[in-house]
Amino acid sequence: MAENGAFEKRREGVPCWVDAQLSDVEAGKRFYGELFGWTFQDAGTEEEAAEEAAEEAAAGESVRACLDGEPVAALVRKTDGRMPTVWSVYFHTPDAAALTARIRAGGGQVVTPPHPVGDLGSAALAADPDGAVFGLWQPGRRTGFGRRGEPGAFAWAELYTRDTETANAFYGDLFHDALFGPDASPDFGRARVSDVFPAEMPPHFLVHFLVEDVAAGLATVARLGGRVRVPPFGTSYGRVAVVSDGQGASFALLQR
């Protein structure tokens, strides 16, 4: 998560971080480094070494992806091969414990209770009533993205769910100000699973990264050993294609 700064005063429920759980982090660095121009931060000072140690203790081997020197994502080595290979989105909260209580009261589940990540902040994983998993981040020294909404960075999170009415009620109550408050500019939407994915696909969040040219992005994904899962289609927030990396983690390319 990024240092305190531009996004320090974000509202509860604003997407603030994404990470990918991968079996091979080095392969992930090669894939995403070429696709998005990301560089990856290694420990160069005692402070950075301490931060890395805290991150690794919390989530196994982890590297931060940067765009022009600012953090935009993390690649995390799976500690158990049975874990899904997946991109996850984290939502900002000033109080993870209070938010997890509200998640339970709203019909969701807490998968991993809030836990400290050194002095960087606290993380948790939860699932909504339909089973879609998402993360929570309560900032300490890090708030989240250093860059967002530009090519190579996070731009949108779409929830694919079978029960849109329940999702509307659950997230509308949970993150009301971020979605509907004064001057709200949400980068989080929802759609039915069957709109894009087969009906048997589990409910899930799909992380979108902005690109200048979807067609060029798809060509690069294919060249790097990834797959096109859903060809480009139009949405209210831009032109989208769903792809996966060489290890099977799905995400979307978004052109606006």
C-alpha atoms as a PDB file:
ATOM      1  CA  MET A   1       0.000   0.000   0.000  1.00  0.00           C
ATOM      2  CA  ALA A   2       1.196   3.491  -0.788  1.00  0.00           C
ATOM      3  CA  GLU A   3       2.651   6.029   1.569  1.00  0.00           C
ATOM      4  CA  ASN A   4       0.260   8.508   3.182  1.00  0.00           C
ATOM      5  CA  GLY A   5      -0.438  11.280   0.713  1.00  0.00           C
ATOM      6  CA  ALA A   6      -2.779  12.010  -2.164  1.00  0.00           C
ATOM      7  CA  PHE A   7      -5.428   9.460  -1.187  1.00  0.00           C
ATOM      8  CA  GLU A   8      -5.197   9.942   2.581  1.00  0.00           C
ATOM      9  CA  LYS A   9      -8.772  11.208   2.969  1.00  0.00           C
ATOM     10  CA  ARG A  10     -10.512   8.587   0.861  1.00  0.00           C
ATOM     11  CA  ARG A  11     -13.956   7.438   1.941  1.00  0.00           C
ATOM     12  CA  GLU A  12     -14.736   4.055   3.407  1.00  0.00           C
ATOM     13  CA  GLY A  13     -15.457   1.665   0.545  1.00  0.00           C
ATOM     14  CA  VAL A  14     -13.160   3.230  -2.054  1.00  0.00           C
ATOM     15  CA  PRO A  15     -10.935   0.588  -3.701  1.00  0.00           C
ATOM     16  CA  CYS A  16      -7.440   1.296  -2.382  1.00  0.00           C
ATOM     17  CA  TRP A  17      -5.274  -1.732  -3.285  1.00  0.00           C
ATOM     18  CA  VAL A  18      -5.083  -4.889  -5.401  1.00  0.00           C
ATOM     19  CA  ASP A  19      -2.901  -7.956  -5.225  1.00  0.00           C
ATOM     20  CA  ALA A  20      -2.448 -11.194  -7.152  1.00  0.00           C
ATOM     21  CA  GLN A  21      -1.937 -14.558  -5.459  1.00  0.00           C
ATOM     22  CA  LEU A  22       0.494 -16.469  -7.680  1.00  0.00           C
ATOM     23  CA  SER A  23       2.493 -19.692  -7.554  1.00  0.00           C
ATOM     24  CA  ASP A  24       5.435 -18.087  -9.384  1.00  0.00           C
ATOM     25  CA  VAL A  25       6.085 -14.456  -8.464  1.00  0.00           C
ATOM     26  CA  GLU A  26       9.103 -14.183 -10.790  1.00  0.00           C
ATOM     27  CA  ALA A  27       6.976 -15.248 -13.765  1.00  0.00           C
ATOM     28  CA  GLY A  28       4.361 -12.706 -12.651  1.00  0.00           C
ATOM     29  CA  LYS A  29       6.993  -9.964 -12.604  1.00  0.00           C
ATOM     30  CA  ARG A  30       7.997 -10.774 -16.171  1.00  0.00           C
ATOM     31  CA  PHE A  31       4.380 -10.867 -17.391  1.00  0.00           C
ATOM     32  CA  TYR A  32       3.069  -7.719 -15.717  1.00  0.00           C
ATOM     33  CA  GLY A  33       6.309  -5.825 -16.068  1.00  0.00           C
ATOM     34  CA  GLU A  34       6.108  -6.099 -19.841  1.00  0.00           C
ATOM     35  CA  LEU A  35       2.337  -5.705 -20.082  1.00  0.00           C
ATOM     36  CA  PHE A  36       1.962  -2.607 -17.897  1.00  0.00           C
ATOM     37  CA  GLY A  37       5.517  -1.261 -17.610  1.00  0.00           C
ATOM     38  CA  TRP A  38       5.651  -2.073 -13.915  1.00  0.00           C
ATOM     39  CA  THR A  39       8.880  -2.171 -11.974  1.00  0.00           C
ATOM     40  CA  PHE A  40       9.236  -4.101  -8.739  1.00  0.00           C
ATOM     41  CA  GLN A  41      10.537  -2.758  -5.477  1.00  0.00           C
ATOM     42  CA  ASP A  42      13.371  -4.559  -3.739  1.00  0.00           C
ATOM     43  CA  ALA A  43      14.660  -3.781  -0.258  1.00  0.00           C
ATOM     44  CA  GLY A  44      17.340  -1.108  -0.574  1.00  0.00           C
ATOM     45  CA  THR A  45      17.313   0.466   2.865  1.00  0.00           C
ATOM     46  CA  GLU A  46      16.809  -0.786   6.396  1.00  0.00           C
ATOM     47  CA  GLU A  47      13.336   0.778   6.408  1.00  0.00           C
ATOM     48  CA  GLU A  48      12.367  -0.963   3.168  1.00  0.00           C
ATOM     49  CA  ALA A  49      13.772  -4.247   4.489  1.00  0.00           C
ATOM     50  CA  ALA A  50      11.631  -3.934   7.609  1.00  0.00           C
ATOM     51  CA  GLU A  51       8.550  -3.207   5.489  1.00  0.00           C
ATOM     52  CA  GLU A  52       9.235  -6.189   3.253  1.00  0.00           C
ATOM     53  CA  ALA A  53       9.689  -8.434   6.276  1.00  0.00           C
ATOM     54  CA  ALA A  54       6.325  -7.284   7.641  1.00  0.00           C
ATOM     55  CA  GLU A  55       4.614  -7.906   4.306  1.00  0.00           C
ATOM     56  CA  GLU A  56       6.180 -11.337   3.924  1.00  0.00           C
ATOM     57  CA  ALA A  57       5.196 -12.318   7.441  1.00  0.00           C
ATOM     58  CA  ALA A  58       1.612 -11.333   6.651  1.00  0.00           C
ATOM     59  CA  ALA A  59       1.235 -12.814   3.208  1.00  0.00           C
ATOM     60  CA  GLY A  60       4.212 -14.924   2.237  1.00  0.00           C
ATOM     61  CA  GLU A  61       6.697 -13.675  -0.376  1.00  0.00           C
ATOM     62  CA  SER A  62       5.385 -10.361  -1.714  1.00  0.00           C
ATOM     63  CA  VAL A  63       6.715  -7.760  -4.126  1.00  0.00           C
ATOM     64  CA  ARG A  64       5.297  -4.315  -4.738  1.00  0.00           C
ATOM     65  CA  ALA A  65       4.638  -3.305  -8.338  1.00  0.00           C
ATOM     66  CA  CYS A  66       5.350   0.337  -9.117  1.00  0.00           C
ATOM     67  CA  LEU A  67       4.471   2.693 -11.954  1.00  0.00           C
ATOM     68  CA  ASP A  68       6.851   5.638 -12.283  1.00  0.00           C
ATOM     69  CA  GLY A  69       8.103   4.843  -8.805  1.00  0.00           C
ATOM     70  CA  GLU A  70       4.668   4.803  -7.132  1.00  0.00           C
ATOM     71  CA  PRO A  71       3.066   1.551  -5.864  1.00  0.00           C
ATOM     72  CA  VAL A  72       0.086   0.236  -7.820  1.00  0.00           C
ATOM     73  CA  ALA A  73      -0.265  -3.462  -6.851  1.00  0.00           C
ATOM     74  CA  ALA A  74       1.410  -6.429  -5.193  1.00  0.00           C
ATOM     75  CA  LEU A  75       2.284  -9.910  -6.369  1.00  0.00           C
ATOM     76  CA  VAL A  76       2.099 -12.464  -3.550  1.00  0.00           C
ATOM     77  CA  ARG A  77       3.430 -16.012  -3.597  1.00  0.00           C
ATOM     78  CA  LYS A  78       0.768 -18.545  -2.638  1.00  0.00           C
ATOM     79  CA  THR A  79       1.717 -20.436   0.503  1.00  0.00           C
ATOM     80  CA  ASP A  80      -0.679 -23.279  -0.328  1.00  0.00           C
ATOM     81  CA  GLY A  81      -1.165 -24.668  -3.819  1.00  0.00           C
ATOM     82  CA  ARG A  82      -4.859 -25.186  -3.075  1.00  0.00           C
ATOM     83  CA  MET A  83      -5.372 -21.425  -2.814  1.00  0.00           C
ATOM     84  CA  PRO A  84      -6.932 -19.793  -5.896  1.00  0.00           C
ATOM     85  CA  THR A  85      -4.750 -17.947  -8.379  1.00  0.00           C
ATOM     86  CA  VAL A  86      -6.610 -14.669  -8.340  1.00  0.00           C
ATOM     87  CA  TRP A  87      -6.538 -10.880  -8.297  1.00  0.00           C
ATOM     88  CA  SER A  88      -8.181  -9.372  -5.196  1.00  0.00           C
ATOM     89  CA  VAL A  89      -9.413  -5.845  -4.493  1.00  0.00           C
ATOM     90  CA  TYR A  90      -9.155  -4.146  -1.086  1.00  0.00           C
ATOM     91  CA  PHE A  91     -11.513  -1.426   0.124  1.00  0.00           C
ATOM     92  CA  HIS A  92     -10.431   1.403   2.384  1.00  0.00           C
ATOM     93  CA  THR A  93     -11.767   1.512   5.930  1.00  0.00           C
ATOM     94  CA  PRO A  94     -10.798   3.632   8.948  1.00  0.00           C
ATOM     95  CA  ASP A  95     -11.860   0.806  11.283  1.00  0.00           C
ATOM     96  CA  ALA A  96     -11.580  -2.766  10.027  1.00  0.00           C
ATOM     97  CA  ALA A  97     -12.996  -4.305  13.206  1.00  0.00           C
ATOM     98  CA  ALA A  98     -16.144  -2.182  13.058  1.00  0.00           C
ATOM     99  CA  LEU A  99     -16.558  -2.842   9.343  1.00  0.00           C
ATOM    100  CA  THR A 100     -16.249  -6.620   9.734  1.00  0.00           C
ATOM    101  CA  ALA A 101     -19.000  -6.473  12.382  1.00  0.00           C
ATOM    102  CA  ARG A 102     -21.222  -4.641   9.880  1.00  0.00           C
ATOM    103  CA  ILE A 103     -20.350  -7.204   7.206  1.00  0.00           C
ATOM    104  CA  ARG A 104     -21.560 -10.028   9.456  1.00  0.00           C
ATOM    105  CA  ALA A 105     -24.709  -8.090  10.378  1.00  0.00           C
ATOM    106  CA  GLY A 106     -25.436  -7.557   6.663  1.00  0.00           C
ATOM    107  CA  GLY A 107     -25.277 -11.284   5.849  1.00  0.00           C
ATOM    108  CA  GLY A 108     -21.635 -11.501   4.785  1.00  0.00           C
ATOM    109  CA  GLN A 109     -18.809 -13.564   6.245  1.00  0.00           C
ATOM    110  CA  VAL A 110     -15.374 -12.713   7.595  1.00  0.00           C
ATOM    111  CA  VAL A 111     -12.839 -15.023   5.929  1.00  0.00           C
ATOM    112  CA  THR A 112      -9.739 -13.613   7.661  1.00  0.00           C
ATOM    113  CA  PRO A 113     -10.256 -11.307  10.654  1.00  0.00           C
ATOM    114  CA  PRO A 114      -8.421  -7.966  10.769  1.00  0.00           C
ATOM    115  CA  HIS A 115      -4.730  -8.430  11.496  1.00  0.00           C
ATOM    116  CA  PRO A 116      -1.795  -6.002  11.573  1.00  0.00           C
ATOM    117  CA  VAL A 117       0.749  -5.876   8.749  1.00  0.00           C
ATOM    118  CA  GLY A 118       3.608  -4.446  10.766  1.00  0.00           C
ATOM    119  CA  ASP A 119       2.923  -0.751  11.237  1.00  0.00           C
ATOM    120  CA  LEU A 120       1.752  -0.385   7.645  1.00  0.00           C
ATOM    121  CA  GLY A 121      -1.913  -1.000   8.497  1.00  0.00           C
ATOM    122  CA  SER A 122      -4.393  -3.797   9.075  1.00  0.00           C
ATOM    123  CA  ALA A 123      -5.878  -6.196   6.507  1.00  0.00           C
ATOM    124  CA  ALA A 124      -8.882  -8.503   6.422  1.00  0.00           C
ATOM    125  CA  LEU A 125     -10.742 -10.679   3.927  1.00  0.00           C
ATOM    126  CA  ALA A 126     -14.525 -10.956   3.759  1.00  0.00           C
ATOM    127  CA  ALA A 127     -17.220 -12.433   1.532  1.00  0.00           C
ATOM    128  CA  ASP A 128     -20.560 -10.903   0.594  1.00  0.00           C
ATOM    129  CA  PRO A 129     -23.871 -12.815   0.922  1.00  0.00           C
ATOM    130  CA  ASP A 130     -23.385 -14.324  -2.552  1.00  0.00           C
ATOM    131  CA  GLY A 131     -19.861 -15.510  -1.751  1.00  0.00           C
ATOM    132  CA  ALA A 132     -17.714 -12.929  -3.616  1.00  0.00           C
ATOM    133  CA  VAL A 133     -14.475 -12.376  -1.682  1.00  0.00           C
ATOM    134  CA  PHE A 134     -12.964  -8.917  -1.149  1.00  0.00           C
ATOM    135  CA  GLY A 135     -10.325  -7.339   1.069  1.00  0.00           C
ATOM    136  CA  LEU A 136     -10.309  -4.520   3.607  1.00  0.00           C
ATOM    137  CA  TRP A 137      -7.401  -2.213   4.344  1.00  0.00           C
ATOM    138  CA  GLN A 138      -7.158   0.035   7.399  1.00  0.00           C
ATOM    139  CA  PRO A 139      -4.172   2.299   6.793  1.00  0.00           C
ATOM    140  CA  GLY A 140      -1.260   2.794   9.095  1.00  0.00           C
ATOM    141  CA  ARG A 141       1.794   4.240   7.386  1.00  0.00           C
ATOM    142  CA  ARG A 142       0.425   3.164   4.007  1.00  0.00           C
ATOM    143  CA  THR A 143      -2.898   4.167   2.568  1.00  0.00           C
ATOM    144  CA  GLY A 144      -3.048   2.328  -0.761  1.00  0.00           C
ATOM    145  CA  PHE A 145      -2.414   3.196  -4.385  1.00  0.00           C
ATOM    146  CA  GLY A 146       0.242   5.731  -5.246  1.00  0.00           C
ATOM    147  CA  ARG A 147      -1.251   5.953  -8.740  1.00  0.00           C
ATOM    148  CA  ARG A 148      -4.658   5.000 -10.091  1.00  0.00           C
ATOM    149  CA  GLY A 149      -6.899   5.774 -13.060  1.00  0.00           C
ATOM    150  CA  GLU A 150      -4.060   5.996 -15.565  1.00  0.00           C
ATOM    151  CA  PRO A 151      -2.598   3.511 -18.070  1.00  0.00           C
ATOM    152  CA  GLY A 152      -0.970   0.626 -16.229  1.00  0.00           C
ATOM    153  CA  ALA A 153      -2.834   1.267 -12.976  1.00  0.00           C
ATOM    154  CA  PHE A 154      -6.084   0.212 -11.331  1.00  0.00           C
ATOM    155  CA  ALA A 155      -9.165   1.869 -12.828  1.00  0.00           C
ATOM    156  CA  TRP A 156     -12.286  -0.129 -11.886  1.00  0.00           C
ATOM    157  CA  ALA A 157     -13.588  -3.104  -9.876  1.00  0.00           C
ATOM    158  CA  GLU A 158     -16.660  -4.903 -11.198  1.00  0.00           C
ATOM    159  CA  LEU A 159     -18.593  -7.305  -8.997  1.00  0.00           C
ATOM    160  CA  TYR A 160     -20.114 -10.220 -10.917  1.00  0.00           C
ATOM    161  CA  THR A 161     -22.946 -11.679  -8.841  1.00  0.00           C
ATOM    162  CA  ARG A 162     -26.051 -13.794  -9.335  1.00  0.00           C
ATOM    163  CA  ASP A 163     -28.144 -11.680  -6.970  1.00  0.00           C
ATOM    164  CA  THR A 164     -27.845  -8.034  -7.938  1.00  0.00           C
ATOM    165  CA  GLU A 165     -30.616  -6.884  -5.613  1.00  0.00           C
ATOM    166  CA  THR A 166     -28.915  -8.349  -2.559  1.00  0.00           C
ATOM    167  CA  ALA A 167     -25.570  -6.941  -3.714  1.00  0.00           C
ATOM    168  CA  ASN A 168     -27.101  -3.482  -4.137  1.00  0.00           C
ATOM    169  CA  ALA A 169     -28.504  -3.581  -0.604  1.00  0.00           C
ATOM    170  CA  PHE A 170     -25.345  -5.059   0.977  1.00  0.00           C
ATOM    171  CA  TYR A 171     -22.763  -2.734  -0.584  1.00  0.00           C
ATOM    172  CA  GLY A 172     -25.102   0.252  -0.638  1.00  0.00           C
ATOM    173  CA  ASP A 173     -25.396   0.000   3.147  1.00  0.00           C
ATOM    174  CA  LEU A 174     -21.754  -0.941   3.711  1.00  0.00           C
ATOM    175  CA  PHE A 175     -20.160   1.743   1.521  1.00  0.00           C
ATOM    176  CA  HIS A 176     -22.946   4.295   1.164  1.00  0.00           C
ATOM    177  CA  ASP A 177     -20.808   7.454   1.150  1.00  0.00           C
ATOM    178  CA  ALA A 178     -18.311   6.091  -1.384  1.00  0.00           C
ATOM    179  CA  LEU A 179     -21.096   5.011  -3.726  1.00  0.00           C
ATOM    180  CA  PHE A 180     -23.800   7.623  -3.195  1.00  0.00           C
ATOM    181  CA  GLY A 181     -22.414  10.407  -0.997  1.00  0.00           C
ATOM    182  CA  PRO A 182     -21.913  14.042  -2.069  1.00  0.00           C
ATOM    183  CA  ASP A 183     -19.367  14.285  -4.898  1.00  0.00           C
ATOM    184  CA  ALA A 184     -18.971  10.486  -4.933  1.00  0.00           C
ATOM    185  CA  SER A 185     -17.199   9.190  -8.049  1.00  0.00           C
ATOM    186  CA  PRO A 186     -17.367   5.392  -7.693  1.00  0.00           C
ATOM    187  CA  ASP A 187     -14.902   3.109  -9.438  1.00  0.00           C
ATOM    188  CA  PHE A 188     -16.833   0.037  -8.327  1.00  0.00           C
ATOM    189  CA  GLY A 189     -19.849  -1.449 -10.134  1.00  0.00           C
ATOM    190  CA  ARG A 190     -21.777  -4.695 -10.418  1.00  0.00           C
ATOM    191  CA  ALA A 191     -23.229  -6.951 -13.096  1.00  0.00           C
ATOM    192  CA  ARG A 192     -24.877 -10.355 -13.311  1.00  0.00           C
ATOM    193  CA  VAL A 193     -22.524 -13.305 -13.724  1.00  0.00           C
ATOM    194  CA  SER A 194     -24.407 -14.418 -16.829  1.00  0.00           C
ATOM    195  CA  ASP A 195     -23.861 -11.049 -18.549  1.00  0.00           C
ATOM    196  CA  VAL A 196     -20.248 -11.958 -19.366  1.00  0.00           C
ATOM    197  CA  PHE A 197     -19.310 -15.201 -17.627  1.00  0.00           C
ATOM    198  CA  PRO A 198     -21.095 -18.574 -17.715  1.00  0.00           C
ATOM    199  CA  ALA A 199     -23.820 -19.022 -15.116  1.00  0.00           C
ATOM    200  CA  GLU A 200     -21.692 -21.605 -13.265  1.00  0.00           C
ATOM    201  CA  MET A 201     -18.899 -19.057 -12.667  1.00  0.00           C
ATOM    202  CA  PRO A 202     -18.689 -18.240  -8.926  1.00  0.00           C
ATOM    203  CA  PRO A 203     -19.504 -14.652  -7.916  1.00  0.00           C
ATOM    204  CA  HIS A 204     -16.312 -12.596  -7.872  1.00  0.00           C
ATOM    205  CA  PHE A 205     -14.688  -9.194  -8.224  1.00  0.00           C
ATOM    206  CA  LEU A 206     -12.889  -8.477 -11.481  1.00  0.00           C
ATOM    207  CA  VAL A 207     -10.002  -6.005 -11.213  1.00  0.00           C
ATOM    208  CA  HIS A 208      -9.649  -3.641 -14.211  1.00  0.00           C
ATOM    209  CA  PHE A 209      -6.401  -1.976 -15.302  1.00  0.00           C
ATOM    210  CA  LEU A 210      -6.478   0.993 -17.654  1.00  0.00           C
ATOM    211  CA  VAL A 211      -4.817   0.670 -21.074  1.00  0.00           C
ATOM    212  CA  GLU A 212      -4.563   3.084 -23.975  1.00  0.00           C
ATOM    213  CA  ASP A 213      -5.483   0.437 -26.565  1.00  0.00           C
ATOM    214  CA  VAL A 214      -7.341  -2.775 -25.696  1.00  0.00           C
ATOM    215  CA  ALA A 215      -6.425  -4.479 -28.986  1.00  0.00           C
ATOM    216  CA  ALA A 216      -2.724  -3.824 -28.439  1.00  0.00           C
ATOM    217  CA  GLY A 217      -3.062  -5.037 -24.840  1.00  0.00           C
ATOM    218  CA  LEU A 218      -4.665  -8.299 -25.985  1.00  0.00           C
ATOM    219  CA  ALA A 219      -1.841  -8.895 -28.452  1.00  0.00           C
ATOM    220  CA  THR A 220       0.704  -8.410 -25.671  1.00  0.00           C
ATOM    221  CA  VAL A 221      -1.199 -10.727 -23.310  1.00  0.00           C
ATOM    222  CA  ALA A 222      -1.207 -13.465 -25.969  1.00  0.00           C
ATOM    223  CA  ARG A 223       2.492 -12.967 -26.750  1.00  0.00           C
ATOM    224  CA  LEU A 224       3.364 -13.277 -23.069  1.00  0.00           C
ATOM    225  CA  GLY A 225       1.484 -16.555 -22.666  1.00  0.00           C
ATOM    226  CA  GLY A 226      -1.795 -15.250 -21.268  1.00  0.00           C
ATOM    227  CA  ARG A 227      -5.300 -15.949 -22.572  1.00  0.00           C
ATOM    228  CA  VAL A 228      -8.259 -13.905 -23.742  1.00  0.00           C
ATOM    229  CA  ARG A 229     -11.226 -15.038 -21.642  1.00  0.00           C
ATOM    230  CA  VAL A 230     -13.830 -12.604 -22.974  1.00  0.00           C
ATOM    231  CA  PRO A 231     -13.269 -10.534 -26.157  1.00  0.00           C
ATOM    232  CA  PRO A 232     -13.749  -6.752 -25.971  1.00  0.00           C
ATOM    233  CA  PHE A 233     -17.256  -5.521 -25.146  1.00  0.00           C
ATOM    234  CA  GLY A 234     -18.790  -2.162 -24.337  1.00  0.00           C
ATOM    235  CA  THR A 235     -19.805  -1.029 -20.841  1.00  0.00           C
ATOM    236  CA  SER A 236     -21.013   2.211 -19.286  1.00  0.00           C
ATOM    237  CA  TYR A 237     -17.482   2.809 -17.969  1.00  0.00           C
ATOM    238  CA  GLY A 238     -15.468   1.934 -21.107  1.00  0.00           C
ATOM    239  CA  ARG A 239     -14.433  -0.857 -23.458  1.00  0.00           C
ATOM    240  CA  VAL A 240     -13.402  -3.999 -21.583  1.00  0.00           C
ATOM    241  CA  ALA A 241     -11.720  -7.315 -22.352  1.00  0.00           C
ATOM    242  CA  VAL A 242     -11.255 -10.096 -19.777  1.00  0.00           C
ATOM    243  CA  VAL A 243      -7.915 -11.892 -19.843  1.00  0.00           C
ATOM    244  CA  SER A 244      -5.747 -14.088 -17.644  1.00  0.00           C
ATOM    245  CA  ASP A 245      -2.013 -14.247 -17.095  1.00  0.00           C
ATOM    246  CA  GLY A 246       0.094 -17.327 -17.763  1.00  0.00           C
ATOM    247  CA  GLN A 247      -0.769 -18.723 -14.324  1.00  0.00           C
ATOM    248  CA  GLY A 248      -4.527 -18.278 -14.664  1.00  0.00           C
ATOM    249  CA  ALA A 249      -5.206 -15.102 -12.655  1.00  0.00           C
ATOM    250  CA  SER A 250      -8.029 -13.247 -14.422  1.00  0.00           C
ATOM    251  CA  PHE A 251      -8.265  -9.480 -14.753  1.00  0.00           C
ATOM    252  CA  ALA A 252      -9.623  -6.956 -17.226  1.00  0.00           C
ATOM    253  CA  LEU A 253      -8.155  -4.415 -19.607  1.00  0.00           C
ATOM    254  CA  LEU A 254     -10.167  -1.181 -19.715  1.00  0.00           C
ATOM    255  CA  GLN A 255      -9.962   1.422 -22.463  1.00  0.00           C
ATOM    256  CA  ARG A 256     -11.694   4.765 -21.990  1.00  0.00           C
END
